[in-house]
């Protein structure tokens, strides 16, 4: 009698689960197509990762905080661990925040991490968007992704505002009161908006609960969807890459997603988490116990919003207190005009990719990032905007600057008013000249090589500096950028001799195109003939 031995071994549990999932989801083919996707390796791409990791940290710490926070304005008496506030009346929101800070294990550290991560998220978004802007990475086909990024920045600002308003302390209450006053200045509907938001006269009894719903459900939900959509488009369109040998619009030079990029990304996540944790442990932020609960009849000294709201606050603080009476109604222009300027500035940022595409008439796809010096006008606009933003941050903290530097608050206010109009213009001119100077230097390096610092005396007594020739890769990097030509109006008559009607918008587009790509906005690249002539020995040392 013979026996048959089954030598086939059972597959490991993980492999069986993967086989089961592949039979229903097709994960093997999906992984094969995407797990080896190439990502370019450049330090500036980590700015976007800082934003993503900060957002993840915000979500994780926010979930923890929701377990202990009570979004209610019902009045209670404090009996917690912080003795100076014992027996004081306060809202349940403030009381639960005090409980988190002093009685929940690790609660204060989690609060600090949550707040610092929010500040770093907005700062990271700001710097990341500037990187995308200055390198032209918003151009086709990435205009929609620019809008997603802008919406994340915009919603992040208001998510942060609703978040630091939740503790119902004296500082955040002053900020909410400031916002309510701005809402009241809106003609016709301002009063209705305030009543709707606060559930009655300020402060009402519902605004903490309403802000809480927006802060933990509505705004984060939208932002999470935008983050996913943003990452999908980044994955689909590929990262932009800087000019260099072997890099074209049709390929990506870098490292694969697995295992190299994922290993680096995982390590970088913990590095970001660690840095935020260290900052949170040693740098206190929003110490509500030192401020006390909010009371409508009190205002905290030196009340400042988080930095990302400083621009809007600065606009309102430095605006003259103008008022006009119109049809029996008083219009507070000192608040209305800043409220109109702020969204207009944000809208201009959102639609800029489409404006530049219209001006230049460039409808091609771009996967190569530009060096900022090779787009002087755009770079100058970006620096001018940052200058205006920083000037308004000074305006938003005019009382702090006055007390700390012993200056007149009126002098600071007038300085900000003047600098808001003069500063961006000066920044634009200086930045454009710097970019053109850097272009000239690049041209000189291509034609003459790099300065070595070695001085040589020729037989006839002349002293010259020895220049080292650049490598082929360096030559390519300095000459790979496109040499754009400004748009032209073309013939004013058609083929039949009939005068062609040229619209005002077309004339405006041509004029703006010349400001972007005219002779005074870019330096001509060295030609191959110029390079050969100089390197052949004529004038080359």
Protein backbone atom coordinates (compact mmCIF):
# COMPACT_ATOMS: atom_id res chain seq x y z
CA UNK A 1 0.00 0.00 0.00
CA UNK A 2 1.44 3.36 -1.01
CA UNK A 3 0.69 6.80 0.39
CA UNK A 4 0.66 10.14 -1.42
CA UNK A 5 2.37 12.97 0.43
CA UNK A 6 1.10 16.52 -0.19
CA UNK A 7 4.31 18.57 -0.46
CA UNK A 8 2.57 21.85 -1.36
CA UNK A 9 3.08 24.35 1.46
CA UNK A 10 0.44 26.75 2.60
CA UNK A 11 1.10 30.38 1.64
CA UNK A 12 1.78 32.85 4.48
CA UNK A 13 -1.23 34.65 5.93
CA UNK A 14 -0.15 38.04 4.56
CA UNK A 15 0.21 36.68 1.04
CA UNK A 16 -3.20 35.01 1.22
CA UNK A 17 -4.80 38.31 2.32
CA UNK A 18 -3.02 40.12 -0.53
CA UNK A 19 -4.22 37.49 -3.03
CA UNK A 20 -7.76 37.84 -1.71
CA UNK A 21 -7.63 41.64 -2.06
CA UNK A 22 -6.06 41.42 -5.53
CA UNK A 23 -8.88 39.20 -6.74
CA UNK A 24 -11.38 41.90 -5.80
CA UNK A 25 -9.47 45.19 -6.09
CA UNK A 26 -6.63 44.49 -8.51
CA UNK A 27 -4.00 45.80 -6.10
CA UNK A 28 -1.09 43.95 -7.77
CA UNK A 29 -1.45 45.77 -11.08
CA UNK A 30 -2.11 49.06 -9.23
CA UNK A 31 1.02 48.64 -7.13
CA UNK A 32 3.12 47.62 -10.13
CA UNK A 33 2.09 50.76 -11.98
CA UNK A 34 2.54 53.24 -9.12
CA UNK A 35 4.88 51.95 -6.42
CA UNK A 36 7.95 52.62 -8.56
CA UNK A 37 6.80 56.10 -9.54
CA UNK A 38 9.73 58.52 -9.69
CA UNK A 39 9.90 61.66 -7.55
CA UNK A 40 12.53 64.37 -8.16
CA UNK A 41 14.95 64.97 -5.30
CA UNK A 42 15.15 68.64 -4.27
CA UNK A 43 15.02 70.21 -0.81
CA UNK A 44 12.27 72.69 -1.76
CA UNK A 45 9.78 69.84 -2.29
CA UNK A 46 9.96 69.14 1.45
CA UNK A 47 8.01 72.36 2.08
CA UNK A 48 4.84 70.67 0.85
CA UNK A 49 5.60 67.65 3.01
CA UNK A 50 5.87 69.87 6.09
CA UNK A 51 2.35 71.11 5.35
CA UNK A 52 1.03 67.56 4.96
CA UNK A 53 2.68 66.26 8.13
CA UNK A 54 1.55 69.28 10.14
CA UNK A 55 -2.01 68.67 8.96
CA UNK A 56 -1.80 65.02 10.07
CA UNK A 57 -0.51 66.13 13.47
CA UNK A 58 -3.37 68.64 13.76
CA UNK A 59 -5.92 65.90 13.05
CA UNK A 60 -4.38 63.45 15.54
CA UNK A 61 -4.08 65.95 18.39
CA UNK A 62 -7.49 67.45 17.58
CA UNK A 63 -9.19 64.06 17.96
CA UNK A 64 -7.58 63.71 21.39
CA UNK A 65 -8.70 67.17 22.51
CA UNK A 66 -12.32 66.63 21.43
CA UNK A 67 -12.61 63.86 24.04
CA UNK A 68 -12.28 66.37 26.88
CA UNK A 69 -13.59 69.67 25.47
CA UNK A 70 -17.17 70.82 26.16
CA UNK A 71 -18.34 73.34 23.51
CA UNK A 72 -20.85 75.12 25.71
CA UNK A 73 -21.23 78.67 27.01
CA UNK A 74 -23.25 77.59 30.04
CA UNK A 75 -21.85 79.34 33.10
CA UNK A 76 -20.15 77.22 35.76
CA UNK A 77 -17.96 77.86 38.79
CA UNK A 78 -14.33 76.79 38.53
CA UNK A 79 -13.06 74.20 41.06
CA UNK A 80 -10.01 72.91 39.23
CA UNK A 81 -6.31 72.69 40.07
CA UNK A 82 -5.38 76.26 39.17
CA UNK A 83 -5.79 78.10 42.48
CA UNK A 84 -5.88 81.77 41.25
CA UNK A 85 -9.13 81.09 39.34
CA UNK A 86 -10.82 79.08 42.11
CA UNK A 87 -14.49 80.07 42.52
CA UNK A 88 -14.64 82.28 39.41
CA UNK A 89 -17.57 82.03 37.01
CA UNK A 90 -16.70 80.97 33.48
CA UNK A 91 -18.14 79.11 30.52
CA UNK A 92 -17.95 75.33 30.24
CA UNK A 93 -15.68 75.83 27.20
CA UNK A 94 -13.11 77.72 29.29
CA UNK A 95 -13.53 75.34 32.22
CA UNK A 96 -12.92 72.25 30.07
CA UNK A 97 -9.88 73.88 28.47
CA UNK A 98 -8.48 74.54 31.95
CA UNK A 99 -9.24 70.90 32.80
CA UNK A 100 -7.31 69.75 29.71
CA UNK A 101 -4.38 72.00 30.59
CA UNK A 102 -4.01 71.08 34.29
CA UNK A 103 -5.86 67.85 35.02
CA UNK A 104 -5.63 65.66 31.89
CA UNK A 105 -2.37 63.72 31.62
CA UNK A 106 -0.40 65.28 28.78
CA UNK A 107 -3.30 67.56 27.97
CA UNK A 108 -1.35 70.81 28.00
CA UNK A 109 1.37 69.37 25.74
CA UNK A 110 -1.25 68.12 23.28
CA UNK A 111 -2.89 71.57 23.29
CA UNK A 112 0.46 73.19 22.61
CA UNK A 113 1.31 70.71 19.83
CA UNK A 114 -2.11 71.28 18.25
CA UNK A 115 -1.71 75.07 18.26
CA UNK A 116 1.93 75.08 17.10
CA UNK A 117 1.17 72.55 14.35
CA UNK A 118 -1.63 74.84 13.10
CA UNK A 119 0.75 77.81 12.97
CA UNK A 120 3.41 75.76 11.18
CA UNK A 121 0.81 74.38 8.76
CA UNK A 122 -0.25 77.88 7.67
CA UNK A 123 3.39 79.06 7.54
CA UNK A 124 4.31 75.97 5.51
CA UNK A 125 1.41 76.61 3.12
CA UNK A 126 2.56 80.22 2.72
CA UNK A 127 6.16 79.27 1.91
CA UNK A 128 5.12 76.28 -0.24
CA UNK A 129 2.81 78.46 -2.35
CA UNK A 130 5.60 81.01 -2.76
CA UNK A 131 7.93 78.23 -3.96
CA UNK A 132 5.33 77.15 -6.49
CA UNK A 133 4.75 80.77 -7.52
CA UNK A 134 8.39 81.79 -7.94
CA UNK A 135 9.28 78.65 -9.93
CA UNK A 136 6.23 78.83 -12.22
CA UNK A 137 5.06 75.40 -11.05
CA UNK A 138 1.44 76.61 -11.25
CA UNK A 139 1.43 76.70 -15.04
CA UNK A 140 -0.57 74.30 -17.21
CA UNK A 141 -1.59 71.61 -16.31
CA UNK A 142 -1.38 72.54 -12.61
CA UNK A 143 -3.73 75.53 -12.41
CA UNK A 144 -6.44 73.48 -10.66
CA UNK A 145 -3.92 72.18 -8.14
CA UNK A 146 -2.89 75.78 -7.43
CA UNK A 147 -6.55 76.53 -6.66
CA UNK A 148 -6.72 73.52 -4.34
CA UNK A 149 -3.61 74.74 -2.53
CA UNK A 150 -4.99 78.26 -2.27
CA UNK A 151 -8.26 76.96 -0.83
CA UNK A 152 -6.31 74.93 1.73
CA UNK A 153 -4.44 78.08 2.75
CA UNK A 154 -7.66 80.13 2.87
CA UNK A 155 -9.65 77.52 4.82
CA UNK A 156 -6.68 76.93 7.12
CA UNK A 157 -6.78 80.58 8.14
CA UNK A 158 -10.44 80.39 9.17
CA UNK A 159 -10.07 76.95 10.72
CA UNK A 160 -7.31 78.41 12.88
CA UNK A 161 -9.46 81.40 13.76
CA UNK A 162 -12.38 79.23 14.87
CA UNK A 163 -9.95 77.01 16.79
CA UNK A 164 -8.29 79.65 18.93
CA UNK A 165 -11.72 81.17 19.59
CA UNK A 166 -13.03 77.99 21.24
CA UNK A 167 -11.45 78.31 24.73
CA UNK A 168 -13.56 81.46 25.29
CA UNK A 169 -10.68 83.20 27.05
CA UNK A 170 -10.20 86.97 27.18
CA UNK A 171 -7.76 87.03 24.23
CA UNK A 172 -9.84 84.93 21.84
CA UNK A 173 -13.03 86.69 22.96
CA UNK A 174 -11.45 90.05 22.07
CA UNK A 175 -10.62 88.65 18.63
CA UNK A 176 -14.17 87.41 18.14
CA UNK A 177 -15.49 90.82 19.19
CA UNK A 178 -13.16 92.42 16.64
CA UNK A 179 -14.54 90.12 13.94
CA UNK A 180 -18.13 90.84 14.96
CA UNK A 181 -17.50 94.57 14.68
CA UNK A 182 -16.11 94.04 11.17
CA UNK A 183 -19.20 92.04 10.20
CA UNK A 184 -21.49 94.80 11.48
CA UNK A 185 -19.84 97.27 9.07
CA UNK A 186 -21.15 95.35 6.04
CA UNK A 187 -23.95 97.48 4.55
CA UNK A 188 -27.56 96.25 4.80
CA UNK A 189 -26.81 92.63 5.77
CA UNK A 190 -24.15 93.15 8.48
CA UNK A 191 -26.61 93.04 11.37
CA UNK A 192 -28.33 89.94 10.01
CA UNK A 193 -24.99 88.15 9.53
CA UNK A 194 -24.00 88.92 13.12
CA UNK A 195 -27.32 87.71 14.50
CA UNK A 196 -27.10 84.52 12.43
CA UNK A 197 -23.53 83.77 13.50
CA UNK A 198 -23.93 84.49 17.21
CA UNK A 199 -27.56 83.50 17.64
CA UNK A 200 -28.56 86.95 18.90
CA UNK A 201 -26.77 89.92 20.38
CA UNK A 202 -23.05 89.47 20.94
CA UNK A 203 -21.76 87.33 22.53
CA UNK A 204 -24.94 85.27 22.57
CA UNK A 205 -24.98 81.73 23.89
CA UNK A 206 -24.25 79.67 20.81
CA UNK A 207 -21.11 80.91 19.09
CA UNK A 208 -18.73 78.44 20.78
CA UNK A 209 -20.92 75.49 19.76
CA UNK A 210 -21.23 76.85 16.21
CA UNK A 211 -17.51 77.53 15.91
CA UNK A 212 -16.86 74.05 17.31
CA UNK A 213 -18.99 72.39 14.63
CA UNK A 214 -17.21 74.36 11.92
CA UNK A 215 -13.78 73.70 13.45
CA UNK A 216 -14.01 69.94 13.94
CA UNK A 217 -16.44 68.91 11.18
CA UNK A 218 -17.12 71.32 8.34
CA UNK A 219 -13.76 72.99 7.66
CA UNK A 220 -11.49 69.97 8.36
CA UNK A 221 -13.74 67.77 6.23
CA UNK A 222 -13.43 70.12 3.27
CA UNK A 223 -9.69 70.49 3.85
CA UNK A 224 -9.18 66.73 4.02
CA UNK A 225 -10.97 66.34 0.69
CA UNK A 226 -8.80 69.09 -0.81
CA UNK A 227 -5.61 67.45 0.53
CA UNK A 228 -6.57 64.13 -1.07
CA UNK A 229 -7.46 65.82 -4.37
CA UNK A 230 -4.23 67.83 -4.24
CA UNK A 231 -2.12 64.69 -3.72
CA UNK A 232 -3.95 62.80 -6.47
CA UNK A 233 -3.20 65.59 -8.94
CA UNK A 234 0.44 65.77 -7.79
CA UNK A 235 0.68 62.02 -8.38
CA UNK A 236 -1.05 62.28 -11.74
CA UNK A 237 0.80 65.32 -13.11
CA UNK A 238 4.18 64.42 -11.56
CA UNK A 239 6.31 66.84 -9.59
CA UNK A 240 7.92 69.64 -11.50
CA UNK A 241 11.70 69.36 -11.68
CA UNK A 242 14.40 71.97 -12.09
CA UNK A 243 16.37 72.35 -15.28
CA UNK A 244 19.34 70.01 -15.62
CA UNK A 245 20.98 67.42 -17.85
CA UNK A 246 18.58 64.73 -18.97
CA UNK A 247 15.49 66.49 -17.62
CA UNK A 248 12.73 67.30 -20.06
CA UNK A 249 8.98 67.84 -20.07
CA UNK A 250 8.56 64.15 -20.91
CA UNK A 251 10.49 62.48 -18.09
CA UNK A 252 11.22 62.68 -14.37
CA UNK A 253 14.71 62.25 -12.92
CA UNK A 254 14.73 61.24 -9.26
CA UNK A 255 14.13 58.35 -6.90
CA UNK A 256 11.33 55.74 -6.82
CA UNK A 257 8.39 55.97 -4.44
CA UNK A 258 9.29 52.59 -2.90
CA UNK A 259 11.51 52.08 -1.06
CA UNK A 260 13.63 55.24 -1.19
CA UNK A 261 11.08 58.05 -1.15
CA UNK A 262 8.77 56.39 1.38
CA UNK A 263 11.68 55.72 3.74
CA UNK A 264 12.80 59.36 3.56
CA UNK A 265 9.21 60.62 3.89
CA UNK A 266 8.59 58.46 6.95
CA UNK A 267 11.73 59.70 8.65
CA UNK A 268 10.90 63.29 7.77
CA UNK A 269 7.41 62.93 9.28
CA UNK A 270 8.85 61.93 12.65
CA UNK A 271 11.43 64.70 12.38
CA UNK A 272 8.66 67.28 11.85
CA UNK A 273 6.62 65.75 14.69
CA UNK A 274 9.65 65.84 16.97
CA UNK A 275 10.51 69.46 16.21
CA UNK A 276 6.91 70.56 16.81
CA UNK A 277 6.84 68.59 20.08
CA UNK A 278 10.07 70.22 21.27
CA UNK A 279 8.81 73.71 20.38
CA UNK A 280 5.53 72.97 22.17
CA UNK A 281 7.34 71.74 25.28
CA UNK A 282 9.57 74.79 25.69
CA UNK A 283 7.58 77.67 24.14
CA UNK A 284 4.21 78.34 25.74
CA UNK A 285 1.44 79.62 23.50
CA UNK A 286 -2.01 80.89 24.46
CA UNK A 287 -1.74 80.52 28.26
CA UNK A 288 -5.45 81.04 28.95
CA UNK A 289 -5.01 80.78 32.74
CA UNK A 290 -3.00 84.02 32.66
CA UNK A 291 -5.75 85.77 30.68
CA UNK A 292 -8.88 84.53 32.39
CA UNK A 293 -12.35 83.86 30.95
CA UNK A 294 -13.89 86.24 28.45
CA UNK A 295 -16.08 89.07 29.68
CA UNK A 296 -17.72 91.49 27.23
CA UNK A 297 -16.83 94.45 29.46
CA UNK A 298 -13.08 93.70 29.39
CA UNK A 299 -10.37 93.76 26.71
CA UNK A 300 -7.02 92.04 27.12
CA UNK A 301 -3.92 94.20 26.76
CA UNK A 302 -1.83 93.62 23.62
CA UNK A 303 -4.51 91.43 22.02
CA UNK A 304 -3.08 89.95 18.82
CA UNK A 305 -4.44 87.31 16.46
CA UNK A 306 -2.26 84.50 15.16
CA UNK A 307 0.18 85.78 12.54
CA UNK A 308 -1.84 84.72 9.48
CA UNK A 309 -4.68 87.07 10.47
CA UNK A 310 -2.27 89.97 11.02
CA UNK A 311 -2.64 91.20 7.44
CA UNK A 312 -6.41 91.65 7.75
CA UNK A 313 -6.11 93.20 11.21
CA UNK A 314 -3.37 95.54 10.00
CA UNK A 315 -5.57 96.79 7.17
CA UNK A 316 -8.31 97.71 9.61
CA UNK A 317 -6.00 99.22 12.24
CA UNK A 318 -4.18 101.61 9.89
CA UNK A 319 -7.23 102.61 7.87
CA UNK A 320 -8.46 106.10 8.79
CA UNK A 321 -11.80 106.11 10.63
CA UNK A 322 -13.80 107.45 7.70
CA UNK A 323 -17.59 107.42 7.77
CA UNK A 324 -20.23 108.66 5.34
CA UNK A 325 -24.00 109.00 5.63
CA UNK A 326 -25.88 107.60 2.66
CA UNK A 327 -29.68 107.37 2.42
CA UNK A 328 -30.03 107.64 6.15
CA UNK A 329 -27.43 104.96 6.89
CA UNK A 330 -23.90 105.36 8.24
CA UNK A 331 -21.28 103.51 6.21
CA UNK A 332 -18.10 102.78 8.18
CA UNK A 333 -15.50 103.06 5.41
CA UNK A 334 -12.69 102.57 7.90
CA UNK A 335 -13.74 98.92 8.14
CA UNK A 336 -15.57 98.39 4.84
CA UNK A 337 -12.60 99.27 2.61
CA UNK A 338 -10.17 96.85 4.35
CA UNK A 339 -12.85 94.17 4.24
CA UNK A 340 -13.06 94.71 0.47
CA UNK A 341 -9.27 94.82 -0.06
CA UNK A 342 -8.55 91.58 1.82
CA UNK A 343 -10.73 89.26 -0.33
CA UNK A 344 -9.60 91.07 -3.51
CA UNK A 345 -5.96 90.34 -2.67
CA UNK A 346 -6.80 86.71 -1.97
CA UNK A 347 -8.81 86.45 -5.21
CA UNK A 348 -5.88 87.89 -7.20
CA UNK A 349 -3.62 85.19 -5.73
CA UNK A 350 -6.13 82.47 -6.63
CA UNK A 351 -6.55 83.46 -10.28
CA UNK A 352 -2.96 84.53 -11.00
CA UNK A 353 -2.11 81.39 -13.06
CA UNK A 354 -4.96 82.18 -15.42
CA UNK A 355 -3.94 85.86 -15.62
CA UNK A 356 -0.34 85.00 -16.53
CA UNK A 357 -1.48 82.41 -19.07
CA UNK A 358 -3.68 85.07 -20.72
CA UNK A 359 -0.90 87.67 -20.73
CA UNK A 360 1.75 85.39 -22.18
CA UNK A 361 -0.55 83.41 -24.46
CA UNK A 362 1.30 80.27 -23.38
CA UNK A 363 -1.03 77.26 -23.52
CA UNK A 364 1.64 74.54 -23.44
CA UNK A 365 2.22 72.03 -20.66
CA UNK A 366 5.14 72.78 -18.35
CA UNK A 367 6.86 70.21 -16.14
CA UNK A 368 10.18 72.03 -15.76
CA UNK A 369 10.37 74.53 -12.89
CA UNK A 370 11.88 77.92 -13.66
CA UNK A 371 14.64 79.60 -11.73
CA UNK A 372 13.05 82.76 -10.23
CA UNK A 373 15.73 84.98 -11.80
CA UNK A 374 14.58 83.90 -15.27
CA UNK A 375 11.09 85.33 -14.65
CA UNK A 376 11.99 88.78 -13.24
CA UNK A 377 8.55 90.39 -13.47
CA UNK A 378 6.74 87.50 -11.79
CA UNK A 379 9.41 87.26 -9.10
CA UNK A 380 9.18 91.02 -8.50
CA UNK A 381 5.39 90.77 -8.12
CA UNK A 382 5.79 87.98 -5.56
CA UNK A 383 8.33 89.92 -3.50
CA UNK A 384 6.15 93.05 -3.69
CA UNK A 385 3.17 91.08 -2.34
CA UNK A 386 5.24 89.59 0.50
CA UNK A 387 6.48 93.10 1.32
CA UNK A 388 2.90 94.40 1.54
CA UNK A 389 1.96 91.45 3.73
CA UNK A 390 4.84 92.03 6.13
CA UNK A 391 4.13 95.75 6.33
CA UNK A 392 0.54 95.01 7.31
CA UNK A 393 1.75 92.56 9.94
CA UNK A 394 3.53 95.53 11.52
CA UNK A 395 0.27 97.47 11.28
CA UNK A 396 -1.60 94.62 12.96
CA UNK A 397 0.82 94.77 15.89
CA UNK A 398 1.30 98.53 16.07
CA UNK A 399 0.56 98.61 19.81
CA UNK A 400 3.15 95.90 20.51
CA UNK A 401 5.81 97.72 18.49
CA UNK A 402 4.92 100.97 20.27
CA UNK A 403 5.25 99.54 23.80
CA UNK A 404 8.32 97.37 23.17
CA UNK A 405 10.33 99.92 21.20
CA UNK A 406 9.01 103.02 23.01
CA UNK A 407 7.62 104.57 19.83
CA UNK A 408 4.52 106.61 19.12
CA UNK A 409 1.66 104.43 17.96
CA UNK A 410 0.52 107.25 15.66
CA UNK A 411 3.98 107.39 14.06
CA UNK A 412 3.91 103.63 13.47
CA UNK A 413 0.42 103.84 11.97
CA UNK A 414 1.43 106.63 9.57
CA UNK A 415 4.60 104.76 8.64
CA UNK A 416 2.54 101.68 7.75
CA UNK A 417 0.05 103.75 5.74
CA UNK A 418 2.83 105.25 3.63
CA UNK A 419 4.93 102.07 3.41
CA UNK A 420 1.94 100.02 2.23
CA UNK A 421 1.94 102.02 -1.02
CA UNK A 422 5.65 102.80 -1.34
CA UNK A 423 7.24 99.57 -0.02
CA UNK A 424 5.85 97.14 -2.62
CA UNK A 425 6.85 99.48 -5.48
CA UNK A 426 10.43 99.73 -4.19
CA UNK A 427 10.54 95.97 -3.60
CA UNK A 428 9.29 95.34 -7.16
CA UNK A 429 11.94 97.58 -8.75
CA UNK A 430 14.82 96.30 -6.62
CA UNK A 431 13.87 92.62 -7.09
CA UNK A 432 13.57 92.98 -10.85
CA UNK A 433 16.99 94.66 -11.04
CA UNK A 434 18.51 91.89 -8.90
CA UNK A 435 17.03 89.20 -11.19
CA UNK A 436 18.39 90.94 -14.28
CA UNK A 437 21.79 91.25 -12.59
CA UNK A 438 21.79 87.53 -11.82
CA UNK A 439 20.90 86.80 -15.45
CA UNK A 440 23.86 88.89 -16.59
CA UNK A 441 26.13 87.03 -14.19
CA UNK A 442 24.89 83.68 -15.54
CA UNK A 443 25.58 84.86 -19.08
CA UNK A 444 29.07 85.98 -18.11
CA UNK A 445 29.78 82.64 -16.41
CA UNK A 446 28.68 80.75 -19.53
CA UNK A 447 30.90 82.83 -21.83
CA UNK A 448 33.94 83.30 -19.59
CA UNK A 449 33.73 80.57 -16.95
CA UNK A 450 33.84 80.76 -13.18
CA UNK A 451 36.17 83.19 -11.42
CA UNK A 452 38.94 81.15 -9.81
CA UNK A 453 40.51 83.91 -7.71
CA UNK A 454 43.91 83.20 -9.29
CA UNK A 455 45.66 86.31 -10.70
CA UNK A 456 48.16 85.80 -13.53
CA UNK A 457 50.61 88.29 -15.00
CA UNK A 458 50.98 88.19 -18.77
CA UNK A 459 54.37 88.68 -20.51
CA UNK A 460 53.53 92.27 -21.44
CA UNK A 461 52.72 93.15 -17.82
CA UNK A 462 48.92 92.89 -17.79
CA UNK A 463 47.29 91.21 -14.79
CA UNK A 464 44.30 88.96 -15.52
CA UNK A 465 42.18 86.58 -13.46
CA UNK A 466 42.05 82.95 -14.50
CA UNK A 467 38.54 81.69 -15.24
CA UNK A 468 37.69 78.02 -14.88
CA UNK A 469 35.44 76.60 -17.62
CA UNK A 470 32.06 75.26 -16.51
CA UNK A 471 31.09 71.64 -16.89
CA UNK A 472 28.58 70.63 -19.54
CA UNK A 473 25.95 70.07 -16.86
CA UNK A 474 26.44 73.57 -15.46
CA UNK A 475 26.37 75.08 -18.94
CA UNK A 476 23.09 73.29 -19.63
CA UNK A 477 21.56 74.48 -16.35
CA UNK A 478 22.40 78.12 -17.12
CA UNK A 479 21.17 78.04 -20.72
CA UNK A 480 18.23 75.61 -20.69
CA UNK A 481 15.56 78.21 -19.89
CA UNK A 482 13.28 79.45 -22.64
CA UNK A 483 13.80 82.86 -24.22
CA UNK A 484 10.28 84.22 -24.41
CA UNK A 485 9.16 86.84 -26.87
CA UNK A 486 6.54 89.47 -26.04
CA UNK A 487 3.21 89.35 -27.85
CA UNK A 488 2.65 91.60 -30.86
CA UNK A 489 -0.49 93.28 -32.13
CA UNK A 490 0.23 92.19 -35.69
CA UNK A 491 -0.85 94.05 -38.83
CA UNK A 492 -3.46 96.74 -38.34
CA UNK A 493 -5.11 95.89 -41.67
CA UNK A 494 -6.30 92.56 -43.04
CA UNK A 495 -5.36 90.99 -46.38
CA UNK A 496 -7.97 93.14 -48.13
CA UNK A 497 -6.56 96.38 -46.80
CA UNK A 498 -9.46 96.88 -44.41
CA UNK A 499 -8.47 98.23 -41.02
CA UNK A 500 -8.65 95.51 -38.40
CA UNK A 501 -10.42 96.36 -35.19
CA UNK A 502 -8.20 95.73 -32.17
CA UNK A 503 -9.98 95.49 -28.84
CA UNK A 504 -8.86 97.19 -25.66
CA UNK A 505 -8.26 93.87 -23.93
CA UNK A 506 -5.93 92.76 -26.72
CA UNK A 507 -3.97 96.02 -26.47
CA UNK A 508 -3.77 95.58 -22.70
CA UNK A 509 -2.56 91.99 -23.10
CA UNK A 510 0.21 93.03 -25.50
CA UNK A 511 1.29 95.87 -23.20
CA UNK A 512 1.44 93.53 -20.20
CA UNK A 513 3.26 90.90 -22.26
CA UNK A 514 5.97 93.44 -23.08
CA UNK A 515 6.35 94.20 -19.38
CA UNK A 516 6.91 90.47 -18.79
CA UNK A 517 9.18 89.65 -21.74
CA UNK A 518 10.35 92.97 -23.17
CA UNK A 519 13.99 93.97 -23.60
CA UNK A 520 14.12 95.51 -20.11
CA UNK A 521 12.65 92.37 -18.50
CA UNK A 522 15.10 89.68 -19.61
CA UNK A 523 18.71 89.32 -20.68
CA UNK A 524 19.35 87.50 -23.95
CA UNK A 525 20.96 84.11 -23.50
CA UNK A 526 24.45 83.64 -24.94
CA UNK A 527 24.35 82.10 -28.39
CA UNK A 528 26.43 79.14 -29.52
CA UNK A 529 28.36 81.46 -31.84
CA UNK A 530 29.28 83.78 -28.95
CA UNK A 531 30.41 80.83 -26.85
CA UNK A 532 32.56 79.37 -29.65
CA UNK A 533 34.12 82.75 -30.41
CA UNK A 534 35.16 83.39 -26.80
CA UNK A 535 36.27 79.85 -25.97
CA UNK A 536 38.36 79.74 -29.13
CA UNK A 537 40.75 82.18 -27.46
CA UNK A 538 39.46 85.66 -28.30
CA UNK A 539 39.23 87.45 -24.97
CA UNK A 540 39.20 84.23 -22.92
CA UNK A 541 41.72 83.71 -20.14
